[in-house]
Amino acid sequence: MNETSEDRADALFHALSDRTRRDILRRVLAGEHSVTALAASYDMSFAAVQKHVAVLERAGLLTKRRNGREQLASGDVAAVRSVASMLDELEDVWRGRIDRIDALLTEET
């Protein structure tokens, strides 16, 4: 991974590190929601929900568009797939290490 992809990974995993942001992402992946409707679902201020949405947007996990006075948020499935791909790469590294340990143990017996 190069520096740019590392920065992107940092942004994605930072955005996903908060349970409220993960819940917001689940909602907007299921369908477009206004930020106002999202805010009504949480026991926090509208401004706090806006900040969570902004973190998700900066990470590229959701996009916003204006419809009159409303801001509508929708999830980006491709970005979620890129997170899954990063996790798959890490799993491959881990599985490779386990395979090497198994091979060493087999040689010793």
N, C-alpha and C. Protein backbone atom coordinates (compact mmCIF):
# COMPACT_ATOMS: atom_id res chain seq x y z
N MET A 1 0.84 -1.19 0.00
CA MET A 1 0.00 0.00 0.00
C MET A 1 0.88 1.24 0.00
N ASN A 2 0.46 2.23 -0.77
CA ASN A 2 1.23 3.48 -0.77
C ASN A 2 0.62 4.44 0.24
N GLU A 3 1.25 5.61 0.39
CA GLU A 3 0.82 6.59 1.39
C GLU A 3 -0.63 7.02 1.19
N THR A 4 -1.04 7.22 -0.04
CA THR A 4 -2.40 7.65 -0.32
C THR A 4 -3.40 6.57 0.09
N SER A 5 -3.12 5.33 -0.25
CA SER A 5 -4.04 4.26 0.13
C SER A 5 -4.03 4.03 1.64
N GLU A 6 -2.91 4.26 2.29
CA GLU A 6 -2.84 4.16 3.75
C GLU A 6 -3.69 5.26 4.39
N ASP A 7 -3.61 6.48 3.83
CA ASP A 7 -4.44 7.58 4.34
C ASP A 7 -5.92 7.26 4.16
N ARG A 8 -6.25 6.69 3.03
CA ARG A 8 -7.65 6.31 2.76
C ARG A 8 -8.10 5.24 3.75
N ALA A 9 -7.26 4.24 3.99
CA ALA A 9 -7.59 3.19 4.96
C ALA A 9 -7.79 3.80 6.35
N ASP A 10 -6.92 4.73 6.74
CA ASP A 10 -7.07 5.40 8.03
C ASP A 10 -8.42 6.10 8.13
N ALA A 11 -8.79 6.82 7.07
CA ALA A 11 -10.06 7.56 7.07
C ALA A 11 -11.25 6.61 7.14
N LEU A 12 -11.18 5.52 6.38
CA LEU A 12 -12.29 4.56 6.38
C LEU A 12 -12.45 3.91 7.75
N PHE A 13 -11.36 3.43 8.32
CA PHE A 13 -11.47 2.73 9.60
C PHE A 13 -11.77 3.69 10.74
N HIS A 14 -11.30 4.93 10.65
CA HIS A 14 -11.68 5.93 11.65
C HIS A 14 -13.19 6.17 11.59
N ALA A 15 -13.71 6.32 10.38
CA ALA A 15 -15.14 6.56 10.22
C ALA A 15 -15.96 5.40 10.77
N LEU A 16 -15.48 4.20 10.58
CA LEU A 16 -16.21 3.00 11.02
C LEU A 16 -15.96 2.65 12.48
N SER A 17 -15.08 3.38 13.15
CA SER A 17 -14.74 3.05 14.53
C SER A 17 -15.81 3.48 15.53
N ASP A 18 -16.78 4.26 15.09
CA ASP A 18 -17.82 4.77 15.98
C ASP A 18 -19.14 4.07 15.69
N ARG A 19 -19.83 3.60 16.74
CA ARG A 19 -21.06 2.84 16.54
C ARG A 19 -22.18 3.69 15.93
N THR A 20 -22.24 4.96 16.27
CA THR A 20 -23.27 5.83 15.67
C THR A 20 -23.02 5.96 14.17
N ARG A 21 -21.77 6.16 13.78
CA ARG A 21 -21.47 6.28 12.35
C ARG A 21 -21.76 4.97 11.63
N ARG A 22 -21.45 3.84 12.26
CA ARG A 22 -21.78 2.55 11.62
C ARG A 22 -23.29 2.41 11.44
N ASP A 23 -24.05 2.86 12.43
CA ASP A 23 -25.51 2.78 12.32
C ASP A 23 -26.03 3.72 11.23
N ILE A 24 -25.49 4.91 11.17
CA ILE A 24 -25.87 5.84 10.10
C ILE A 24 -25.57 5.22 8.75
N LEU A 25 -24.39 4.62 8.62
CA LEU A 25 -24.01 3.99 7.35
C LEU A 25 -24.99 2.88 6.99
N ARG A 26 -25.37 2.04 7.96
CA ARG A 26 -26.35 0.98 7.68
C ARG A 26 -27.65 1.57 7.13
N ARG A 27 -28.09 2.64 7.74
CA ARG A 27 -29.35 3.28 7.32
C ARG A 27 -29.25 3.83 5.89
N VAL A 28 -28.15 4.52 5.59
CA VAL A 28 -28.06 5.14 4.26
C VAL A 28 -27.70 4.13 3.18
N LEU A 29 -27.16 2.98 3.56
CA LEU A 29 -26.95 1.92 2.58
C LEU A 29 -28.28 1.27 2.20
N ALA A 30 -29.22 1.28 3.15
CA ALA A 30 -30.55 0.71 2.89
C ALA A 30 -31.40 1.64 2.03
N GLY A 31 -31.10 2.92 2.05
CA GLY A 31 -31.85 3.89 1.25
C GLY A 31 -31.48 5.31 1.64
N GLU A 32 -31.79 6.22 0.77
CA GLU A 32 -31.45 7.63 0.99
C GLU A 32 -32.27 8.19 2.16
N HIS A 33 -31.60 8.96 3.03
CA HIS A 33 -32.24 9.59 4.18
C HIS A 33 -31.82 11.04 4.25
N SER A 34 -32.72 11.87 4.70
CA SER A 34 -32.33 13.26 4.96
C SER A 34 -31.53 13.28 6.26
N VAL A 35 -30.64 14.23 6.36
CA VAL A 35 -29.84 14.36 7.58
C VAL A 35 -30.78 14.66 8.75
N THR A 36 -31.83 15.42 8.51
CA THR A 36 -32.80 15.72 9.56
C THR A 36 -33.47 14.45 10.06
N ALA A 37 -33.87 13.56 9.16
CA ALA A 37 -34.49 12.29 9.56
C ALA A 37 -33.49 11.43 10.32
N LEU A 38 -32.25 11.42 9.87
CA LEU A 38 -31.22 10.66 10.59
C LEU A 38 -31.07 11.19 12.01
N ALA A 39 -31.01 12.52 12.14
CA ALA A 39 -30.81 13.14 13.46
C ALA A 39 -31.94 12.79 14.42
N ALA A 40 -33.14 12.63 13.89
CA ALA A 40 -34.29 12.30 14.75
C ALA A 40 -34.17 10.91 15.36
N SER A 41 -33.32 10.08 14.79
CA SER A 41 -33.16 8.69 15.26
C SER A 41 -32.20 8.57 16.43
N TYR A 42 -31.51 9.63 16.78
CA TYR A 42 -30.45 9.54 17.80
C TYR A 42 -30.70 10.52 18.93
N ASP A 43 -30.26 10.11 20.12
CA ASP A 43 -30.39 10.95 21.31
C ASP A 43 -29.16 11.87 21.41
N MET A 44 -29.03 12.73 20.41
CA MET A 44 -27.95 13.72 20.38
C MET A 44 -28.41 14.90 19.54
N SER A 45 -27.66 15.94 19.56
CA SER A 45 -28.06 17.14 18.82
C SER A 45 -27.95 16.92 17.31
N PHE A 46 -28.68 17.73 16.58
CA PHE A 46 -28.60 17.71 15.12
C PHE A 46 -27.17 17.96 14.67
N ALA A 47 -26.50 18.92 15.34
CA ALA A 47 -25.12 19.26 14.98
C ALA A 47 -24.19 18.06 15.16
N ALA A 48 -24.41 17.27 16.21
CA ALA A 48 -23.57 16.10 16.45
C ALA A 48 -23.77 15.07 15.34
N VAL A 49 -25.02 14.87 14.93
CA VAL A 49 -25.29 13.92 13.83
C VAL A 49 -24.67 14.45 12.54
N GLN A 50 -24.77 15.75 12.30
CA GLN A 50 -24.14 16.34 11.11
C GLN A 50 -22.64 16.06 11.09
N LYS A 51 -22.00 16.15 12.25
CA LYS A 51 -20.55 15.88 12.33
C LYS A 51 -20.26 14.42 11.99
N HIS A 52 -21.08 13.51 12.49
CA HIS A 52 -20.90 12.09 12.15
C HIS A 52 -21.06 11.88 10.64
N VAL A 53 -22.08 12.50 10.06
CA VAL A 53 -22.31 12.39 8.62
C VAL A 53 -21.11 12.96 7.86
N ALA A 54 -20.55 14.06 8.34
CA ALA A 54 -19.40 14.67 7.68
C ALA A 54 -18.19 13.74 7.70
N VAL A 55 -17.96 13.04 8.81
CA VAL A 55 -16.84 12.09 8.89
C VAL A 55 -17.04 10.98 7.86
N LEU A 56 -18.26 10.46 7.78
CA LEU A 56 -18.55 9.41 6.79
C LEU A 56 -18.38 9.92 5.37
N GLU A 57 -18.78 11.16 5.14
CA GLU A 57 -18.66 11.75 3.80
C GLU A 57 -17.19 11.95 3.43
N ARG A 58 -16.38 12.47 4.36
CA ARG A 58 -14.95 12.66 4.09
C ARG A 58 -14.26 11.35 3.79
N ALA A 59 -14.71 10.29 4.44
CA ALA A 59 -14.12 8.96 4.21
C ALA A 59 -14.62 8.36 2.90
N GLY A 60 -15.63 8.97 2.30
CA GLY A 60 -16.17 8.47 1.04
C GLY A 60 -17.19 7.36 1.20
N LEU A 61 -17.66 7.15 2.42
CA LEU A 61 -18.62 6.08 2.68
C LEU A 61 -20.06 6.49 2.37
N LEU A 62 -20.30 7.79 2.34
CA LEU A 62 -21.61 8.27 1.93
C LEU A 62 -21.46 9.54 1.13
N THR A 63 -22.50 9.85 0.39
CA THR A 63 -22.54 11.10 -0.37
C THR A 63 -23.80 11.85 0.03
N LYS A 64 -23.72 13.17 -0.10
CA LYS A 64 -24.87 14.01 0.19
C LYS A 64 -25.24 14.78 -1.07
N ARG A 65 -26.52 15.04 -1.20
CA ARG A 65 -26.99 15.91 -2.26
C ARG A 65 -28.10 16.78 -1.69
N ARG A 66 -28.26 17.92 -2.31
CA ARG A 66 -29.31 18.84 -1.87
C ARG A 66 -30.59 18.58 -2.66
N ASN A 67 -31.69 18.64 -1.96
CA ASN A 67 -33.01 18.61 -2.57
C ASN A 67 -33.81 19.71 -1.89
N GLY A 68 -33.79 20.89 -2.49
CA GLY A 68 -34.39 22.05 -1.82
C GLY A 68 -33.58 22.40 -0.59
N ARG A 69 -34.25 22.41 0.55
CA ARG A 69 -33.58 22.75 1.80
C ARG A 69 -33.01 21.53 2.52
N GLU A 70 -33.33 20.37 2.02
CA GLU A 70 -32.87 19.14 2.65
C GLU A 70 -31.52 18.69 2.10
N GLN A 71 -30.75 18.06 2.98
CA GLN A 71 -29.54 17.37 2.56
C GLN A 71 -29.85 15.88 2.65
N LEU A 72 -29.73 15.20 1.52
CA LEU A 72 -30.03 13.77 1.47
C LEU A 72 -28.73 12.98 1.41
N ALA A 73 -28.65 11.99 2.25
CA ALA A 73 -27.44 11.16 2.33
C ALA A 73 -27.74 9.76 1.81
N SER A 74 -26.78 9.23 1.06
CA SER A 74 -26.90 7.85 0.60
C SER A 74 -25.53 7.18 0.72
N GLY A 75 -25.56 5.88 0.98
CA GLY A 75 -24.34 5.13 1.18
C GLY A 75 -23.67 4.78 -0.14
N ASP A 76 -22.36 4.64 -0.08
CA ASP A 76 -21.57 4.26 -1.26
C ASP A 76 -21.14 2.81 -1.10
N VAL A 77 -21.81 1.92 -1.82
CA VAL A 77 -21.55 0.49 -1.72
C VAL A 77 -20.11 0.17 -2.15
N ALA A 78 -19.61 0.86 -3.15
CA ALA A 78 -18.24 0.60 -3.63
C ALA A 78 -17.22 0.88 -2.53
N ALA A 79 -17.45 1.93 -1.74
CA ALA A 79 -16.53 2.24 -0.65
C ALA A 79 -16.57 1.16 0.42
N VAL A 80 -17.76 0.65 0.71
CA VAL A 80 -17.87 -0.43 1.69
C VAL A 80 -17.16 -1.68 1.17
N ARG A 81 -17.29 -1.93 -0.12
CA ARG A 81 -16.57 -3.07 -0.71
C ARG A 81 -15.06 -2.89 -0.60
N SER A 82 -14.58 -1.65 -0.72
CA SER A 82 -13.14 -1.44 -0.60
C SER A 82 -12.66 -1.74 0.81
N VAL A 83 -13.51 -1.45 1.81
CA VAL A 83 -13.17 -1.81 3.19
C VAL A 83 -13.09 -3.33 3.31
N ALA A 84 -14.07 -4.01 2.74
CA ALA A 84 -14.06 -5.48 2.76
C ALA A 84 -12.81 -6.03 2.08
N SER A 85 -12.42 -5.40 0.99
CA SER A 85 -11.22 -5.84 0.27
C SER A 85 -9.97 -5.67 1.13
N MET A 86 -9.88 -4.54 1.84
CA MET A 86 -8.73 -4.33 2.73
C MET A 86 -8.69 -5.39 3.81
N LEU A 87 -9.85 -5.72 4.37
CA LEU A 87 -9.90 -6.74 5.41
C LEU A 87 -9.54 -8.11 4.84
N ASP A 88 -9.95 -8.38 3.60
CA ASP A 88 -9.58 -9.64 2.95
C ASP A 88 -8.06 -9.74 2.80
N GLU A 89 -7.42 -8.63 2.42
CA GLU A 89 -5.96 -8.63 2.29
C GLU A 89 -5.29 -8.95 3.62
N LEU A 90 -5.80 -8.34 4.70
CA LEU A 90 -5.23 -8.61 6.02
C LEU A 90 -5.47 -10.06 6.43
N GLU A 91 -6.63 -10.58 6.10
CA GLU A 91 -6.92 -11.98 6.40
C GLU A 91 -5.98 -12.91 5.64
N ASP A 92 -5.68 -12.57 4.38
CA ASP A 92 -4.75 -13.38 3.58
C ASP A 92 -3.37 -13.42 4.23
N VAL A 93 -2.91 -12.28 4.74
CA VAL A 93 -1.62 -12.23 5.43
C VAL A 93 -1.66 -13.14 6.65
N TRP A 94 -2.72 -13.02 7.43
CA TRP A 94 -2.87 -13.83 8.64
C TRP A 94 -2.92 -15.31 8.29
N ARG A 95 -3.71 -15.68 7.30
CA ARG A 95 -3.82 -17.09 6.91
C ARG A 95 -2.47 -17.62 6.39
N GLY A 96 -1.71 -16.78 5.69
CA GLY A 96 -0.39 -17.18 5.22
C GLY A 96 0.54 -17.50 6.38
N ARG A 97 0.45 -16.71 7.42
CA ARG A 97 1.29 -16.96 8.60
C ARG A 97 0.88 -18.26 9.28
N ILE A 98 -0.41 -18.49 9.39
CA ILE A 98 -0.90 -19.73 10.01
C ILE A 98 -0.44 -20.93 9.18
N ASP A 99 -0.53 -20.81 7.85
CA ASP A 99 -0.08 -21.91 6.97
C ASP A 99 1.40 -22.20 7.17
N ARG A 100 2.22 -21.14 7.32
CA ARG A 100 3.65 -21.34 7.54
C ARG A 100 3.92 -22.01 8.89
N ILE A 101 3.15 -21.65 9.90
CA ILE A 101 3.30 -22.29 11.22
C ILE A 101 2.93 -23.76 11.11
N ASP A 102 1.82 -24.04 10.42
CA ASP A 102 1.41 -25.43 10.22
C ASP A 102 2.50 -26.22 9.50
N ALA A 103 3.11 -25.63 8.48
CA ALA A 103 4.17 -26.32 7.72
C ALA A 103 5.37 -26.60 8.62
N LEU A 104 5.73 -25.64 9.46
CA LEU A 104 6.85 -25.86 10.38
C LEU A 104 6.55 -26.96 11.38
N LEU A 105 5.32 -26.98 11.88
CA LEU A 105 4.95 -28.02 12.84
C LEU A 105 4.94 -29.39 12.19
N THR A 106 4.52 -29.46 10.94
CA THR A 106 4.49 -30.71 10.20
C THR A 106 5.90 -31.23 9.97
N GLU A 107 6.83 -30.31 9.65
CA GLU A 107 8.22 -30.72 9.43
C GLU A 107 8.87 -31.29 10.67
N GLU A 108 8.51 -30.76 11.82
CA GLU A 108 9.12 -31.19 13.07
C GLU A 108 8.62 -32.54 13.54
N THR A 109 7.47 -32.98 13.08
CA THR A 109 6.93 -34.25 13.59
C THR A 109 7.36 -35.43 12.78
